[in-house]
């Protein structure tokens, strides 16, 4: 059986949604990349009893390694190291050498950032972070919090626990060193290749895909197939061992046969496809945006190197901004309204002209919750993409709340660009 792991994400701020969990998904994919299957990701608040219960659940599920993230700071609610030590039967003790190394890091950070700290409070926090379960391996800190690999006490059974910091940059920076520790390497010795493939469809209902999967179900032994409908895109994610490659080929063939007209990607995301195509074409883009107030521009700048294809954007919310910054004629707005196909195209043409771009994007709509009318209900969105020799437009009424309309609109813009650059299913 391949190596398996379980993850505990700690932090009341994560449990309540004030902070999005970035560590659980990152660790799950990092482990899959080295051939380790993740059975569960459990999120708990900063409560010792709940963390202990989560550790017990994962340790009893047959995993080879348990990982925790968060709870390693200097404050009273940071209890992960002590709780894990007690769970493994290894009470924590002060490591004076680690304490000095952490104190040096804190001193450097304080000097660099101009902090004026209370010496006694700083010393107490540093000592707390240097408490190490007896027999644990210390993974050197990237910030101020060390990582720990805590084996189960002699005479007891259970997997080791890898304790990692909560800040994603610290966790990811520490990851290679954590994997290189003897205990983790031994725990994951059974790791084997675990493949993952993603097919992306645009415009296919889940019910139709479900019918296809039922039709070929007896040919898919060894595949773990999951589907996800998000912003109108249907993803088919399949995980499998190499010996199930023929079964995956049968699945891929069935999807091609039934949904070849809507299959737009075998792997790369929509954003990756569009930005690569823009770079290949050498085209520069400019955005005139009212409905999302800049989210389209922000999404186009998410990949590194975005300056190669994006010149800029104008968040023209007011009619006066559309007129003055994007050259939309006032009489056009008066005749058709700010939310109209005509104004969307004029915004695209204005952005293209003002920035000297190859491609102009125009976006106008009613994201809600107010502002709708019987003729133009909340969710009405008009889009236009103007290229050197082609113009693509779309008018839709999107469902959902304000955030959903704005996010779905940005996805539609990317699909218009994909259609313009690469063809495939229409946006």
Protein backbone atom coordinates (compact mmCIF):
# COMPACT_ATOMS: atom_id res chain seq x y z
CA UNK A 1 0.00 0.00 0.00
CA UNK A 2 1.27 3.49 -0.84
CA UNK A 3 2.30 5.85 1.96
CA UNK A 4 -0.55 7.87 3.46
CA UNK A 5 -0.67 11.00 5.57
CA UNK A 6 -3.19 13.09 7.49
CA UNK A 7 -3.10 16.84 8.09
CA UNK A 8 -4.35 18.94 11.01
CA UNK A 9 -4.69 22.67 10.34
CA UNK A 10 -4.91 24.60 13.59
CA UNK A 11 -6.19 28.08 14.30
CA UNK A 12 -9.54 29.50 15.33
CA UNK A 13 -9.10 32.17 12.67
CA UNK A 14 -9.00 29.40 10.02
CA UNK A 15 -11.85 27.43 11.58
CA UNK A 16 -14.13 30.48 11.57
CA UNK A 17 -13.16 31.56 8.04
CA UNK A 18 -11.44 34.83 9.00
CA UNK A 19 -8.33 33.42 7.34
CA UNK A 20 -8.49 31.05 4.36
CA UNK A 21 -6.67 27.75 4.74
CA UNK A 22 -3.72 27.83 2.35
CA UNK A 23 -1.61 25.21 4.13
CA UNK A 24 -3.89 22.17 3.92
CA UNK A 25 -4.30 22.27 0.11
CA UNK A 26 -0.62 23.13 -0.41
CA UNK A 27 0.58 20.23 1.74
CA UNK A 28 -1.88 17.80 0.13
CA UNK A 29 -0.55 18.62 -3.33
CA UNK A 30 3.08 18.65 -2.18
CA UNK A 31 2.62 15.19 -0.66
CA UNK A 32 0.84 13.88 -3.75
CA UNK A 33 3.78 15.09 -5.81
CA UNK A 34 6.09 12.76 -3.90
CA UNK A 35 3.67 9.84 -4.02
CA UNK A 36 1.96 10.23 -0.64
CA UNK A 37 -1.83 9.99 -0.48
CA UNK A 38 -3.63 12.32 1.95
CA UNK A 39 -6.62 10.72 3.63
CA UNK A 40 -7.93 13.69 5.63
CA UNK A 41 -7.39 17.38 6.26
CA UNK A 42 -8.90 18.36 9.61
CA UNK A 43 -9.29 21.99 10.74
CA UNK A 44 -9.48 22.69 14.48
CA UNK A 45 -9.49 25.82 16.61
CA UNK A 46 -6.94 26.76 19.25
CA UNK A 47 -8.34 24.31 21.78
CA UNK A 48 -6.11 21.56 23.20
CA UNK A 49 -8.91 19.00 23.52
CA UNK A 50 -9.95 19.42 19.88
CA UNK A 51 -6.37 19.17 18.64
CA UNK A 52 -5.85 16.03 20.74
CA UNK A 53 -9.03 14.51 19.31
CA UNK A 54 -7.92 15.30 15.74
CA UNK A 55 -4.53 13.72 16.35
CA UNK A 56 -6.23 10.63 17.75
CA UNK A 57 -8.54 10.37 14.76
CA UNK A 58 -5.70 10.58 12.23
CA UNK A 59 -3.31 8.35 14.18
CA UNK A 60 -6.06 5.73 14.34
CA UNK A 61 -6.80 5.91 10.61
CA UNK A 62 -3.69 3.99 9.61
CA UNK A 63 -1.65 6.89 8.20
CA UNK A 64 2.14 6.76 8.14
CA UNK A 65 2.62 10.41 9.06
CA UNK A 66 0.53 13.12 10.70
CA UNK A 67 1.28 16.75 9.90
CA UNK A 68 0.14 19.80 11.83
CA UNK A 69 0.30 23.46 10.80
CA UNK A 70 0.12 26.51 13.04
CA UNK A 71 0.13 27.12 16.77
CA UNK A 72 3.90 27.54 17.16
CA UNK A 73 4.06 31.24 18.01
CA UNK A 74 4.96 32.93 21.30
CA UNK A 75 1.40 33.70 22.48
CA UNK A 76 -0.79 31.81 24.93
CA UNK A 77 -3.03 30.31 22.22
CA UNK A 78 -0.06 28.71 20.43
CA UNK A 79 -0.21 25.26 22.00
CA UNK A 80 0.51 22.82 19.19
CA UNK A 81 4.03 21.74 20.23
CA UNK A 82 3.01 21.00 23.81
CA UNK A 83 -0.20 19.20 22.83
CA UNK A 84 1.58 17.05 20.23
CA UNK A 85 4.32 16.23 22.74
CA UNK A 86 1.77 15.12 25.33
CA UNK A 87 -0.16 13.11 22.71
CA UNK A 88 3.02 11.28 21.69
CA UNK A 89 3.99 10.67 25.32
CA UNK A 90 6.90 13.10 25.17
CA UNK A 91 6.60 16.07 27.55
CA UNK A 92 8.27 19.29 26.40
CA UNK A 93 11.52 20.65 27.81
CA UNK A 94 13.47 23.83 27.11
CA UNK A 95 16.20 23.57 24.45
CA UNK A 96 18.68 26.33 25.47
CA UNK A 97 20.59 26.26 22.19
CA UNK A 98 17.40 26.57 20.17
CA UNK A 99 16.29 29.37 22.52
CA UNK A 100 19.44 31.34 21.67
CA UNK A 101 19.00 30.78 17.92
CA UNK A 102 15.41 32.03 18.09
CA UNK A 103 16.52 35.03 20.20
CA UNK A 104 19.06 35.91 17.51
CA UNK A 105 16.35 35.77 14.83
CA UNK A 106 14.03 37.95 16.92
CA UNK A 107 16.82 40.48 17.50
CA UNK A 108 17.55 40.71 13.77
CA UNK A 109 13.87 41.13 12.92
CA UNK A 110 13.40 43.79 15.59
CA UNK A 111 16.39 45.79 14.37
CA UNK A 112 15.31 45.52 10.74
CA UNK A 113 11.73 46.58 11.43
CA UNK A 114 12.44 49.17 14.08
CA UNK A 115 10.51 47.37 16.81
CA UNK A 116 10.86 48.50 20.43
CA UNK A 117 10.10 45.39 22.46
CA UNK A 118 9.87 44.65 26.14
CA UNK A 119 12.91 42.46 26.98
CA UNK A 120 11.07 40.33 29.53
CA UNK A 121 8.09 39.68 27.24
CA UNK A 122 10.39 38.88 24.32
CA UNK A 123 12.44 36.48 26.43
CA UNK A 124 9.29 34.70 27.63
CA UNK A 125 7.97 34.30 24.11
CA UNK A 126 11.32 33.04 22.87
CA UNK A 127 11.53 30.49 25.67
CA UNK A 128 8.04 29.27 24.84
CA UNK A 129 8.98 28.67 21.21
CA UNK A 130 12.08 26.76 22.32
CA UNK A 131 10.10 24.17 24.30
CA UNK A 132 10.70 20.87 22.49
CA UNK A 133 9.07 17.46 23.14
CA UNK A 134 11.70 15.09 24.52
CA UNK A 135 13.34 13.10 21.70
CA UNK A 136 11.90 15.27 18.92
CA UNK A 137 13.94 16.40 15.93
CA UNK A 138 14.10 20.17 15.46
CA UNK A 139 13.70 21.60 11.95
CA UNK A 140 15.42 24.98 11.87
CA UNK A 141 13.05 27.95 11.78
CA UNK A 142 12.51 30.02 8.67
CA UNK A 143 10.85 32.72 10.78
CA UNK A 144 10.92 32.42 14.55
CA UNK A 145 9.03 29.12 14.93
CA UNK A 146 10.96 25.86 14.60
CA UNK A 147 9.46 22.78 13.06
CA UNK A 148 9.41 19.51 14.98
CA UNK A 149 9.29 15.83 14.15
CA UNK A 150 7.88 14.08 17.19
CA UNK A 151 8.06 10.27 17.37
CA UNK A 152 5.71 8.26 19.52
CA UNK A 153 7.15 7.33 22.91
CA UNK A 154 8.84 3.97 23.40
CA UNK A 155 6.38 1.21 24.11
CA UNK A 156 3.53 2.97 22.28
CA UNK A 157 2.38 2.66 18.69
CA UNK A 158 1.45 5.31 16.20
CA UNK A 159 2.89 7.48 13.44
CA UNK A 160 5.34 10.35 13.97
CA UNK A 161 3.93 13.86 13.89
CA UNK A 162 5.53 16.56 11.77
CA UNK A 163 4.78 19.95 13.36
CA UNK A 164 5.02 22.89 10.95
CA UNK A 165 4.49 26.65 11.37
CA UNK A 166 1.32 28.41 10.24
CA UNK A 167 2.58 31.25 8.00
CA UNK A 168 2.62 29.74 4.49
CA UNK A 169 5.98 31.28 3.58
CA UNK A 170 7.59 29.74 6.65
CA UNK A 171 5.95 26.36 6.14
CA UNK A 172 6.91 26.17 2.47
CA UNK A 173 10.43 27.38 3.18
CA UNK A 174 10.87 24.68 5.81
CA UNK A 175 9.35 21.88 3.74
CA UNK A 176 12.53 20.53 2.05
CA UNK A 177 14.38 20.32 5.36
CA UNK A 178 11.40 18.62 7.03
CA UNK A 179 11.24 15.97 4.29
CA UNK A 180 14.95 15.31 4.71
CA UNK A 181 14.71 14.35 8.39
CA UNK A 182 15.30 10.68 9.13
CA UNK A 183 11.94 10.10 10.82
CA UNK A 184 9.94 11.60 7.96
CA UNK A 185 11.95 9.74 5.32
CA UNK A 186 11.36 6.44 7.10
CA UNK A 187 7.67 7.18 7.60
CA UNK A 188 7.20 7.88 3.88
CA UNK A 189 9.42 5.08 2.61
CA UNK A 190 6.38 3.50 0.92
CA UNK A 191 5.75 6.53 -1.27
CA UNK A 192 5.05 5.59 -4.89
CA UNK A 193 4.08 7.53 -7.99
CA UNK A 194 0.56 8.92 -7.74
CA UNK A 195 -0.63 10.50 -10.96
CA UNK A 196 -3.18 13.26 -11.24
CA UNK A 197 -4.80 14.54 -14.42
CA UNK A 198 -7.31 17.35 -14.89
CA UNK A 199 -9.74 17.79 -17.78
CA UNK A 200 -11.59 21.11 -18.03
CA UNK A 201 -14.92 21.57 -19.79
CA UNK A 202 -16.80 24.77 -20.51
CA UNK A 203 -20.55 24.63 -20.98
CA UNK A 204 -21.19 21.00 -20.02
CA UNK A 205 -23.75 20.30 -17.24
CA UNK A 206 -22.66 17.94 -14.48
CA UNK A 207 -25.68 15.74 -15.17
CA UNK A 208 -24.41 14.96 -18.68
CA UNK A 209 -20.95 14.12 -17.40
CA UNK A 210 -22.50 11.91 -14.71
CA UNK A 211 -24.28 9.92 -17.41
CA UNK A 212 -21.00 9.35 -19.26
CA UNK A 213 -19.24 8.24 -16.08
CA UNK A 214 -22.03 5.76 -15.33
CA UNK A 215 -21.78 4.37 -18.85
CA UNK A 216 -18.07 3.56 -18.53
CA UNK A 217 -17.94 2.91 -14.79
CA UNK A 218 -17.02 -0.76 -15.17
CA UNK A 219 -13.95 0.25 -17.22
CA UNK A 220 -12.53 2.67 -14.64
CA UNK A 221 -11.14 0.34 -12.00
CA UNK A 222 -8.23 1.92 -10.13
CA UNK A 223 -9.28 5.51 -10.83
CA UNK A 224 -10.38 8.06 -8.25
CA UNK A 225 -12.53 10.46 -10.28
CA UNK A 226 -13.90 13.68 -8.79
CA UNK A 227 -15.82 16.45 -10.52
CA UNK A 228 -16.20 20.08 -9.56
CA UNK A 229 -18.42 22.76 -11.11
CA UNK A 230 -16.96 26.20 -10.48
CA UNK A 231 -17.86 29.50 -12.17
CA UNK A 232 -19.38 27.57 -15.07
CA UNK A 233 -16.29 25.40 -15.58
CA UNK A 234 -16.52 21.66 -15.02
CA UNK A 235 -13.30 20.03 -13.82
CA UNK A 236 -12.66 16.30 -13.91
CA UNK A 237 -9.75 15.45 -11.61
CA UNK A 238 -8.51 11.88 -11.73
CA UNK A 239 -5.91 10.32 -9.42
CA UNK A 240 -4.47 6.91 -10.14
CA UNK A 241 -1.45 4.64 -9.82
CA UNK A 242 0.62 4.04 -12.97
CA UNK A 243 -0.83 0.54 -13.36
CA UNK A 244 -4.25 2.14 -13.94
CA UNK A 245 -3.01 4.17 -16.92
CA UNK A 246 -5.11 2.15 -19.39
CA UNK A 247 -8.24 2.80 -17.34
CA UNK A 248 -7.47 6.52 -17.45
CA UNK A 249 -6.99 6.33 -21.22
CA UNK A 250 -10.50 4.83 -21.47
CA UNK A 251 -11.91 7.68 -19.38
CA UNK A 252 -10.12 10.25 -21.50
CA UNK A 253 -11.48 8.65 -24.66
CA UNK A 254 -15.05 8.67 -23.31
CA UNK A 255 -14.79 12.37 -22.42
CA UNK A 256 -13.42 13.13 -25.88
CA UNK A 257 -16.23 11.22 -27.57
CA UNK A 258 -19.03 12.83 -25.56
CA UNK A 259 -17.68 16.31 -24.85
CA UNK A 260 -15.00 17.05 -27.40
CA UNK A 261 -16.78 20.27 -28.33
CA UNK A 262 -16.59 21.63 -24.75
CA UNK A 263 -13.25 20.19 -23.62
CA UNK A 264 -10.88 23.13 -23.65
CA UNK A 265 -7.94 21.91 -21.55
CA UNK A 266 -6.11 18.72 -20.64
CA UNK A 267 -4.19 20.11 -17.68
CA UNK A 268 -3.45 23.84 -17.85
CA UNK A 269 -5.83 26.23 -16.12
CA UNK A 270 -7.81 28.82 -18.03
CA UNK A 271 -5.46 31.55 -16.82
CA UNK A 272 -2.38 29.59 -17.87
CA UNK A 273 -3.79 28.96 -21.33
CA UNK A 274 -4.72 32.61 -21.87
CA UNK A 275 -1.50 34.15 -20.60
CA UNK A 276 0.64 31.70 -22.58
CA UNK A 277 -1.38 32.44 -25.73
CA UNK A 278 -1.06 36.20 -25.20
CA UNK A 279 2.68 35.84 -24.77
CA UNK A 280 2.95 33.67 -27.90
CA UNK A 281 0.91 36.16 -29.94
CA UNK A 282 2.88 39.11 -28.59
CA UNK A 283 -0.37 40.95 -27.95
CA UNK A 284 -0.84 43.62 -25.27
CA UNK A 285 -4.15 44.02 -23.45
CA UNK A 286 -5.98 46.94 -21.84
CA UNK A 287 -9.15 46.81 -19.75
CA UNK A 288 -12.11 49.16 -19.33
CA UNK A 289 -14.07 47.76 -16.39
CA UNK A 290 -17.17 48.91 -14.54
CA UNK A 291 -18.87 45.81 -13.17
CA UNK A 292 -15.93 44.25 -11.29
CA UNK A 293 -14.11 47.54 -10.55
CA UNK A 294 -10.69 46.13 -11.35
CA UNK A 295 -11.00 42.39 -10.68
CA UNK A 296 -10.45 41.60 -14.38
CA UNK A 297 -7.20 43.56 -14.39
CA UNK A 298 -6.15 41.95 -11.11
CA UNK A 299 -6.75 38.46 -12.47
CA UNK A 300 -4.71 39.18 -15.58
CA UNK A 301 -1.83 40.27 -13.36
CA UNK A 302 -1.84 37.23 -11.09
CA UNK A 303 0.79 35.30 -13.11
CA UNK A 304 4.38 36.48 -12.84
CA UNK A 305 5.54 38.44 -15.87
CA UNK A 306 2.11 39.98 -16.50
CA UNK A 307 3.70 43.17 -17.79
CA UNK A 308 4.47 41.23 -20.98
CA UNK A 309 0.79 41.20 -21.93
CA UNK A 310 -1.08 43.74 -19.78
CA UNK A 311 -0.69 47.48 -20.31
CA UNK A 312 -3.26 48.59 -17.75
CA UNK A 313 -6.88 48.98 -16.81
CA UNK A 314 -9.41 51.64 -15.92
CA UNK A 315 -12.05 51.01 -13.25
CA UNK A 316 -14.64 53.37 -14.75
CA UNK A 317 -17.57 53.10 -12.37
CA UNK A 318 -19.20 56.49 -12.92
CA UNK A 319 -20.57 57.48 -16.32
CA UNK A 320 -18.29 60.52 -16.24
CA UNK A 321 -15.28 58.20 -15.88
CA UNK A 322 -16.44 56.15 -18.86
CA UNK A 323 -16.75 59.34 -20.90
CA UNK A 324 -13.55 61.06 -19.81
CA UNK A 325 -11.18 58.13 -19.41
CA UNK A 326 -12.45 55.67 -22.03
CA UNK A 327 -13.97 58.07 -24.60
CA UNK A 328 -17.44 56.53 -24.34
CA UNK A 329 -19.82 59.04 -25.99
CA UNK A 330 -22.32 60.56 -23.57
CA UNK A 331 -25.05 60.19 -26.17
CA UNK A 332 -24.34 56.44 -26.37
CA UNK A 333 -24.91 56.08 -22.63
CA UNK A 334 -28.03 58.24 -22.86
CA UNK A 335 -29.44 56.16 -25.69
CA UNK A 336 -28.67 52.65 -24.39
CA UNK A 337 -27.77 52.99 -20.71
CA UNK A 338 -24.40 52.39 -19.03
CA UNK A 339 -25.18 48.67 -18.81
CA UNK A 340 -25.55 47.73 -22.45
CA UNK A 341 -23.72 45.85 -25.22
CA UNK A 342 -23.04 49.15 -26.97
CA UNK A 343 -21.30 50.68 -23.97
CA UNK A 344 -19.31 47.51 -23.28
CA UNK A 345 -17.92 47.62 -26.81
CA UNK A 346 -17.22 51.36 -26.56
CA UNK A 347 -15.34 50.77 -23.30
CA UNK A 348 -13.25 48.05 -24.96
CA UNK A 349 -12.45 50.27 -27.92
CA UNK A 350 -11.67 53.19 -25.63
CA UNK A 351 -9.28 51.11 -23.49
CA UNK A 352 -7.57 49.77 -26.60
CA UNK A 353 -7.12 53.25 -28.03
CA UNK A 354 -6.10 54.98 -24.81
CA UNK A 355 -3.42 52.41 -23.93
CA UNK A 356 -2.32 51.65 -27.49
CA UNK A 357 -3.12 47.98 -26.93
CA UNK A 358 -3.73 45.17 -29.39
CA UNK A 359 -6.77 43.94 -27.45
CA UNK A 360 -9.32 45.99 -25.54
CA UNK A 361 -11.70 44.52 -22.97
CA UNK A 362 -14.96 46.20 -21.92
CA UNK A 363 -17.02 45.08 -18.93
CA UNK A 364 -20.24 46.61 -17.64
CA UNK A 365 -23.02 45.12 -15.56
CA UNK A 366 -25.17 45.10 -12.43
CA UNK A 367 -23.55 43.07 -9.68
CA UNK A 368 -26.24 43.90 -7.11
CA UNK A 369 -27.73 43.54 -4.69
CA UNK A 370 -29.55 46.67 -5.86
CA UNK A 371 -29.71 48.52 -9.14
CA UNK A 372 -31.67 46.01 -11.16
CA UNK A 373 -34.76 46.71 -13.24
CA UNK A 374 -37.28 44.44 -15.00
CA UNK A 375 -35.39 44.94 -18.27
CA UNK A 376 -31.95 44.71 -16.69
CA UNK A 377 -32.13 42.49 -13.59
CA UNK A 378 -29.32 42.07 -11.10
CA UNK A 379 -26.68 39.85 -12.68
CA UNK A 380 -26.95 41.42 -16.14
CA UNK A 381 -23.45 41.66 -17.60
CA UNK A 382 -22.24 42.80 -21.02
CA UNK A 383 -18.71 41.98 -22.22
CA UNK A 384 -16.71 42.92 -25.29
CA UNK A 385 -13.24 41.99 -26.51
CA UNK A 386 -11.93 44.03 -29.43
CA UNK A 387 -8.91 42.65 -31.30
CA UNK A 388 -7.16 43.78 -34.50
CA UNK A 389 -9.44 41.77 -36.79
CA UNK A 390 -12.15 40.40 -34.54
CA UNK A 391 -14.74 41.51 -32.01
CA UNK A 392 -16.31 39.09 -29.51
CA UNK A 393 -19.25 40.10 -27.33
CA UNK A 394 -21.36 38.34 -24.72
CA UNK A 395 -24.47 39.36 -22.80
CA UNK A 396 -25.53 37.19 -19.87
CA UNK A 397 -27.62 37.25 -16.71
CA UNK A 398 -25.63 35.64 -13.91
CA UNK A 399 -27.13 34.19 -10.77
CA UNK A 400 -25.88 34.54 -7.21
CA UNK A 401 -24.81 37.32 -4.90
CA UNK A 402 -22.62 40.30 -5.66
CA UNK A 403 -19.33 38.50 -5.17
CA UNK A 404 -20.45 35.53 -7.28
CA UNK A 405 -21.48 37.81 -10.17
CA UNK A 406 -18.17 39.68 -10.09
CA UNK A 407 -16.06 36.53 -9.92
CA UNK A 408 -18.05 34.77 -12.65
CA UNK A 409 -17.69 37.86 -14.83
CA UNK A 410 -13.89 37.72 -14.61
CA UNK A 411 -14.01 34.06 -15.64
CA UNK A 412 -16.20 34.92 -18.63
CA UNK A 413 -13.69 37.56 -19.73
CA UNK A 414 -10.88 35.01 -19.61
CA UNK A 415 -12.96 32.59 -21.67
CA UNK A 416 -13.60 35.29 -24.27
CA UNK A 417 -9.86 35.81 -24.51
CA UNK A 418 -9.34 32.05 -24.75
CA UNK A 419 -11.91 31.82 -27.55
CA UNK A 420 -10.27 34.72 -29.36
CA UNK A 421 -6.74 33.33 -29.05
CA UNK A 422 -7.20 29.57 -29.15
CA UNK A 423 -10.71 28.79 -30.36
CA UNK A 424 -12.58 25.97 -28.69
CA UNK A 425 -15.93 26.15 -26.92
CA UNK A 426 -17.47 29.65 -27.02
CA UNK A 427 -17.57 31.69 -23.82
